[in-house]
Amino acid sequence: MRQRDRNKWAKRANALIESLGAKPVDEHYPWRLETKAGMLSLRVEANPLRNHGPGTVFTRFDNPPDAKAVVDCNPHSGKWNHHYLAQWTGPQALADLKLLLENIV
């Protein structure tokens, strides 16, 4: 996957997150989204390496024990990251992200 395609994927992933109601914040995680599992912080990064897939969506819930009851996040840190590696195309990764997030908003 070319760098411009990975960047396009990241732009579309950010647009998807915003369309689901996420609010921009000026922090390490630039998005905050209220979900059934609690407040979720999100950050999208295009993969910097050629032939390694679109990228990663880094996420973390504010209250890990409550979130763990809804999703399979880390019960201690609240991390619920999604890595889209070489086997993923941009459209597949976006569709997966959309499904994951729509199920919890």
N, C-alpha and C. Protein backbone atom coordinates (compact mmCIF):
# COMPACT_ATOMS: atom_id res chain seq x y z
N MET A 1 0.85 -1.17 0.00
CA MET A 1 0.00 0.00 0.00
C MET A 1 0.90 1.24 0.00
N ARG A 2 0.61 2.16 -0.89
CA ARG A 2 1.41 3.38 -1.01
C ARG A 2 1.13 4.33 0.16
N GLN A 3 2.11 5.19 0.43
CA GLN A 3 1.97 6.14 1.54
C GLN A 3 0.74 7.02 1.37
N ARG A 4 0.47 7.48 0.18
CA ARG A 4 -0.70 8.35 0.00
C ARG A 4 -1.99 7.58 0.27
N ASP A 5 -2.02 6.28 -0.02
CA ASP A 5 -3.20 5.48 0.28
C ASP A 5 -3.36 5.28 1.78
N ARG A 6 -2.25 5.09 2.49
CA ARG A 6 -2.31 4.97 3.95
C ARG A 6 -2.77 6.28 4.58
N ASN A 7 -2.29 7.40 4.05
CA ASN A 7 -2.72 8.70 4.56
C ASN A 7 -4.20 8.94 4.27
N LYS A 8 -4.66 8.50 3.10
CA LYS A 8 -6.07 8.64 2.75
C LYS A 8 -6.93 7.80 3.71
N TRP A 9 -6.44 6.59 4.02
CA TRP A 9 -7.16 5.75 4.98
C TRP A 9 -7.27 6.44 6.33
N ALA A 10 -6.18 7.03 6.80
CA ALA A 10 -6.19 7.72 8.10
C ALA A 10 -7.17 8.88 8.08
N LYS A 11 -7.20 9.64 7.00
CA LYS A 11 -8.13 10.76 6.88
C LYS A 11 -9.58 10.26 6.93
N ARG A 12 -9.85 9.17 6.23
CA ARG A 12 -11.21 8.61 6.22
C ARG A 12 -11.58 8.01 7.58
N ALA A 13 -10.62 7.40 8.25
CA ALA A 13 -10.88 6.85 9.59
C ALA A 13 -11.21 7.98 10.57
N ASN A 14 -10.48 9.09 10.49
CA ASN A 14 -10.78 10.24 11.34
C ASN A 14 -12.16 10.81 11.04
N ALA A 15 -12.52 10.87 9.76
CA ALA A 15 -13.85 11.36 9.37
C ALA A 15 -14.94 10.43 9.90
N LEU A 16 -14.71 9.13 9.85
CA LEU A 16 -15.66 8.16 10.40
C LEU A 16 -15.85 8.38 11.89
N ILE A 17 -14.75 8.52 12.61
CA ILE A 17 -14.81 8.73 14.06
C ILE A 17 -15.60 9.99 14.37
N GLU A 18 -15.35 11.06 13.63
CA GLU A 18 -16.08 12.30 13.84
C GLU A 18 -17.57 12.14 13.52
N SER A 19 -17.88 11.39 12.46
CA SER A 19 -19.28 11.20 12.07
C SER A 19 -20.08 10.43 13.11
N LEU A 20 -19.39 9.66 13.95
CA LEU A 20 -20.06 8.90 15.01
C LEU A 20 -20.25 9.72 16.29
N GLY A 21 -19.84 10.98 16.23
CA GLY A 21 -20.07 11.87 17.36
C GLY A 21 -18.86 12.18 18.22
N ALA A 22 -17.69 11.75 17.81
CA ALA A 22 -16.48 12.04 18.59
C ALA A 22 -16.20 13.54 18.56
N LYS A 23 -15.68 14.04 19.67
CA LYS A 23 -15.33 15.45 19.80
C LYS A 23 -13.82 15.59 19.77
N PRO A 24 -13.33 16.59 19.02
CA PRO A 24 -11.88 16.79 18.98
C PRO A 24 -11.37 17.39 20.29
N VAL A 25 -10.22 16.92 20.74
CA VAL A 25 -9.57 17.45 21.92
C VAL A 25 -8.08 17.61 21.62
N ASP A 26 -7.43 18.46 22.37
CA ASP A 26 -6.01 18.73 22.14
C ASP A 26 -5.18 17.92 23.13
N GLU A 27 -5.09 16.63 22.87
CA GLU A 27 -4.39 15.73 23.76
C GLU A 27 -3.67 14.65 22.93
N HIS A 28 -3.01 13.72 23.63
CA HIS A 28 -2.33 12.61 22.96
C HIS A 28 -3.31 11.81 22.10
N TYR A 29 -4.53 11.65 22.60
CA TYR A 29 -5.61 11.04 21.83
C TYR A 29 -6.50 12.19 21.36
N PRO A 30 -6.49 12.53 20.07
CA PRO A 30 -7.21 13.73 19.63
C PRO A 30 -8.73 13.62 19.52
N TRP A 31 -9.30 12.47 19.81
CA TRP A 31 -10.75 12.29 19.76
C TRP A 31 -11.26 11.71 21.07
N ARG A 32 -12.48 12.12 21.47
CA ARG A 32 -13.17 11.55 22.62
C ARG A 32 -14.58 11.18 22.16
N LEU A 33 -15.00 9.95 22.46
CA LEU A 33 -16.29 9.44 22.01
C LEU A 33 -17.00 8.78 23.17
N GLU A 34 -18.23 9.22 23.42
CA GLU A 34 -19.06 8.59 24.45
C GLU A 34 -19.63 7.30 23.87
N THR A 35 -19.46 6.18 24.59
CA THR A 35 -19.91 4.87 24.11
C THR A 35 -20.68 4.15 25.22
N LYS A 36 -21.26 3.01 24.86
CA LYS A 36 -21.93 2.15 25.85
C LYS A 36 -20.95 1.62 26.88
N ALA A 37 -19.67 1.59 26.52
CA ALA A 37 -18.62 1.09 27.41
C ALA A 37 -17.92 2.22 28.17
N GLY A 38 -18.43 3.44 28.03
CA GLY A 38 -17.83 4.60 28.69
C GLY A 38 -17.09 5.48 27.71
N MET A 39 -16.44 6.51 28.25
CA MET A 39 -15.72 7.46 27.41
C MET A 39 -14.49 6.79 26.80
N LEU A 40 -14.35 6.96 25.48
CA LEU A 40 -13.27 6.34 24.72
C LEU A 40 -12.43 7.44 24.06
N SER A 41 -11.13 7.38 24.28
CA SER A 41 -10.18 8.27 23.60
C SER A 41 -9.61 7.53 22.41
N LEU A 42 -9.45 8.24 21.28
CA LEU A 42 -8.99 7.59 20.04
C LEU A 42 -7.91 8.41 19.34
N ARG A 43 -7.01 7.71 18.66
CA ARG A 43 -6.00 8.33 17.81
C ARG A 43 -5.75 7.41 16.61
N VAL A 44 -5.78 7.98 15.42
CA VAL A 44 -5.53 7.23 14.18
C VAL A 44 -4.13 7.55 13.69
N GLU A 45 -3.40 6.52 13.31
CA GLU A 45 -2.07 6.71 12.71
C GLU A 45 -1.94 5.86 11.47
N ALA A 46 -1.57 6.51 10.37
CA ALA A 46 -1.25 5.76 9.15
C ALA A 46 0.04 4.99 9.39
N ASN A 47 0.11 3.81 8.85
CA ASN A 47 1.32 3.01 9.01
C ASN A 47 2.46 3.69 8.25
N PRO A 48 3.59 3.96 8.89
CA PRO A 48 4.70 4.62 8.20
C PRO A 48 5.50 3.68 7.30
N LEU A 49 5.28 2.38 7.42
CA LEU A 49 6.08 1.41 6.68
C LEU A 49 5.35 0.91 5.44
N ARG A 50 6.05 0.90 4.34
CA ARG A 50 5.49 0.40 3.09
C ARG A 50 5.19 -1.09 3.23
N ASN A 51 4.10 -1.53 2.62
CA ASN A 51 3.69 -2.94 2.61
C ASN A 51 3.35 -3.48 4.00
N HIS A 52 2.93 -2.62 4.88
CA HIS A 52 2.55 -3.06 6.22
C HIS A 52 1.10 -2.71 6.56
N GLY A 53 0.28 -2.41 5.59
CA GLY A 53 -1.13 -2.17 5.82
C GLY A 53 -1.44 -0.73 6.12
N PRO A 54 -2.75 -0.43 6.26
CA PRO A 54 -3.20 0.95 6.40
C PRO A 54 -2.69 1.68 7.66
N GLY A 55 -2.82 1.05 8.82
CA GLY A 55 -2.38 1.74 10.04
C GLY A 55 -3.04 1.18 11.28
N THR A 56 -3.09 2.01 12.32
CA THR A 56 -3.60 1.60 13.62
C THR A 56 -4.53 2.65 14.18
N VAL A 57 -5.57 2.18 14.87
CA VAL A 57 -6.43 3.06 15.66
C VAL A 57 -6.15 2.72 17.12
N PHE A 58 -5.50 3.65 17.81
CA PHE A 58 -5.19 3.49 19.22
C PHE A 58 -6.35 4.02 20.03
N THR A 59 -6.83 3.23 20.99
CA THR A 59 -7.95 3.67 21.80
C THR A 59 -7.71 3.30 23.26
N ARG A 60 -8.40 4.03 24.14
CA ARG A 60 -8.30 3.74 25.57
C ARG A 60 -9.58 4.23 26.25
N PHE A 61 -10.17 3.35 27.04
CA PHE A 61 -11.34 3.70 27.82
C PHE A 61 -10.92 4.34 29.14
N ASP A 62 -11.72 5.30 29.60
CA ASP A 62 -11.44 5.97 30.86
C ASP A 62 -11.59 5.04 32.06
N ASN A 63 -12.58 4.14 31.99
CA ASN A 63 -12.85 3.25 33.12
C ASN A 63 -12.77 1.80 32.64
N PRO A 64 -11.57 1.20 32.71
CA PRO A 64 -11.37 -0.15 32.17
C PRO A 64 -12.31 -1.22 32.71
N PRO A 65 -12.61 -1.29 34.01
CA PRO A 65 -13.51 -2.36 34.46
C PRO A 65 -14.90 -2.27 33.83
N ASP A 66 -15.44 -1.07 33.72
CA ASP A 66 -16.75 -0.92 33.08
C ASP A 66 -16.69 -1.28 31.60
N ALA A 67 -15.63 -0.83 30.92
CA ALA A 67 -15.48 -1.10 29.49
C ALA A 67 -15.32 -2.59 29.23
N LYS A 68 -14.58 -3.27 30.10
CA LYS A 68 -14.32 -4.70 29.93
C LYS A 68 -15.62 -5.51 29.92
N ALA A 69 -16.64 -5.01 30.57
CA ALA A 69 -17.93 -5.69 30.57
C ALA A 69 -18.63 -5.61 29.21
N VAL A 70 -18.18 -4.69 28.35
CA VAL A 70 -18.83 -4.47 27.05
C VAL A 70 -17.95 -4.92 25.88
N VAL A 71 -16.65 -4.65 25.97
CA VAL A 71 -15.71 -5.01 24.89
C VAL A 71 -14.51 -5.75 25.48
N ASP A 72 -13.73 -6.35 24.61
CA ASP A 72 -12.56 -7.10 25.05
C ASP A 72 -11.33 -6.19 25.10
N CYS A 73 -11.38 -5.21 26.00
CA CYS A 73 -10.24 -4.30 26.16
C CYS A 73 -9.33 -4.82 27.27
N ASN A 74 -8.17 -4.21 27.39
CA ASN A 74 -7.27 -4.53 28.49
C ASN A 74 -7.94 -4.12 29.80
N PRO A 75 -8.12 -5.04 30.75
CA PRO A 75 -8.85 -4.72 31.98
C PRO A 75 -8.11 -3.77 32.91
N HIS A 76 -6.83 -3.56 32.68
CA HIS A 76 -6.04 -2.68 33.56
C HIS A 76 -5.82 -1.30 32.95
N SER A 77 -5.46 -1.27 31.66
CA SER A 77 -5.17 0.02 31.02
C SER A 77 -6.37 0.59 30.26
N GLY A 78 -7.32 -0.26 29.89
CA GLY A 78 -8.45 0.19 29.08
C GLY A 78 -8.12 0.28 27.60
N LYS A 79 -6.93 -0.16 27.20
CA LYS A 79 -6.56 -0.08 25.79
C LYS A 79 -7.38 -1.07 24.97
N TRP A 80 -7.80 -0.60 23.81
CA TRP A 80 -8.60 -1.40 22.87
C TRP A 80 -8.14 -1.01 21.46
N ASN A 81 -6.89 -1.34 21.14
CA ASN A 81 -6.27 -0.92 19.89
C ASN A 81 -6.64 -1.84 18.73
N HIS A 82 -6.64 -1.27 17.55
CA HIS A 82 -6.98 -2.03 16.34
C HIS A 82 -5.89 -1.78 15.30
N HIS A 83 -5.13 -2.84 15.01
CA HIS A 83 -4.01 -2.77 14.09
C HIS A 83 -4.43 -3.36 12.75
N TYR A 84 -4.34 -2.55 11.71
CA TYR A 84 -4.70 -2.99 10.37
C TYR A 84 -3.39 -3.16 9.59
N LEU A 85 -2.96 -4.41 9.49
CA LEU A 85 -1.65 -4.75 8.93
C LEU A 85 -1.76 -5.12 7.46
N ALA A 86 -0.74 -5.78 6.94
CA ALA A 86 -0.59 -6.02 5.51
C ALA A 86 -1.77 -6.74 4.86
N GLN A 87 -2.44 -7.62 5.60
CA GLN A 87 -3.54 -8.38 4.99
C GLN A 87 -4.81 -7.53 4.80
N TRP A 88 -4.83 -6.32 5.36
CA TRP A 88 -6.00 -5.44 5.27
C TRP A 88 -5.85 -4.45 4.12
N THR A 89 -6.93 -4.27 3.38
CA THR A 89 -6.99 -3.15 2.43
C THR A 89 -7.59 -1.96 3.18
N GLY A 90 -7.45 -0.79 2.60
CA GLY A 90 -8.05 0.39 3.22
C GLY A 90 -9.55 0.26 3.43
N PRO A 91 -10.31 -0.13 2.38
CA PRO A 91 -11.76 -0.29 2.56
C PRO A 91 -12.14 -1.35 3.60
N GLN A 92 -11.40 -2.46 3.65
CA GLN A 92 -11.69 -3.49 4.66
C GLN A 92 -11.45 -2.95 6.06
N ALA A 93 -10.36 -2.23 6.25
CA ALA A 93 -10.03 -1.68 7.56
C ALA A 93 -11.08 -0.66 8.00
N LEU A 94 -11.54 0.19 7.08
CA LEU A 94 -12.58 1.16 7.42
C LEU A 94 -13.88 0.47 7.78
N ALA A 95 -14.25 -0.55 7.02
CA ALA A 95 -15.49 -1.29 7.31
C ALA A 95 -15.41 -1.95 8.68
N ASP A 96 -14.26 -2.54 9.01
CA ASP A 96 -14.10 -3.17 10.32
C ASP A 96 -14.19 -2.14 11.44
N LEU A 97 -13.50 -1.02 11.28
CA LEU A 97 -13.54 0.05 12.29
C LEU A 97 -14.96 0.56 12.49
N LYS A 98 -15.65 0.75 11.38
CA LYS A 98 -17.04 1.22 11.45
C LYS A 98 -17.92 0.25 12.23
N LEU A 99 -17.79 -1.03 11.96
CA LEU A 99 -18.57 -2.05 12.65
C LEU A 99 -18.25 -2.06 14.14
N LEU A 100 -16.96 -2.03 14.48
CA LEU A 100 -16.56 -2.05 15.89
C LEU A 100 -17.13 -0.86 16.65
N LEU A 101 -17.00 0.31 16.06
CA LEU A 101 -17.45 1.52 16.77
C LEU A 101 -18.97 1.65 16.79
N GLU A 102 -19.63 1.32 15.68
CA GLU A 102 -21.09 1.41 15.66
C GLU A 102 -21.73 0.47 16.69
N ASN A 103 -21.07 -0.64 16.98
CA ASN A 103 -21.62 -1.57 17.96
C ASN A 103 -21.57 -1.04 19.40
N ILE A 104 -20.78 -0.01 19.64
CA ILE A 104 -20.67 0.49 21.01
C ILE A 104 -21.16 1.92 21.21
N VAL A 105 -21.54 2.61 20.11
CA VAL A 105 -22.08 3.97 20.30
C VAL A 105 -23.57 3.94 20.44
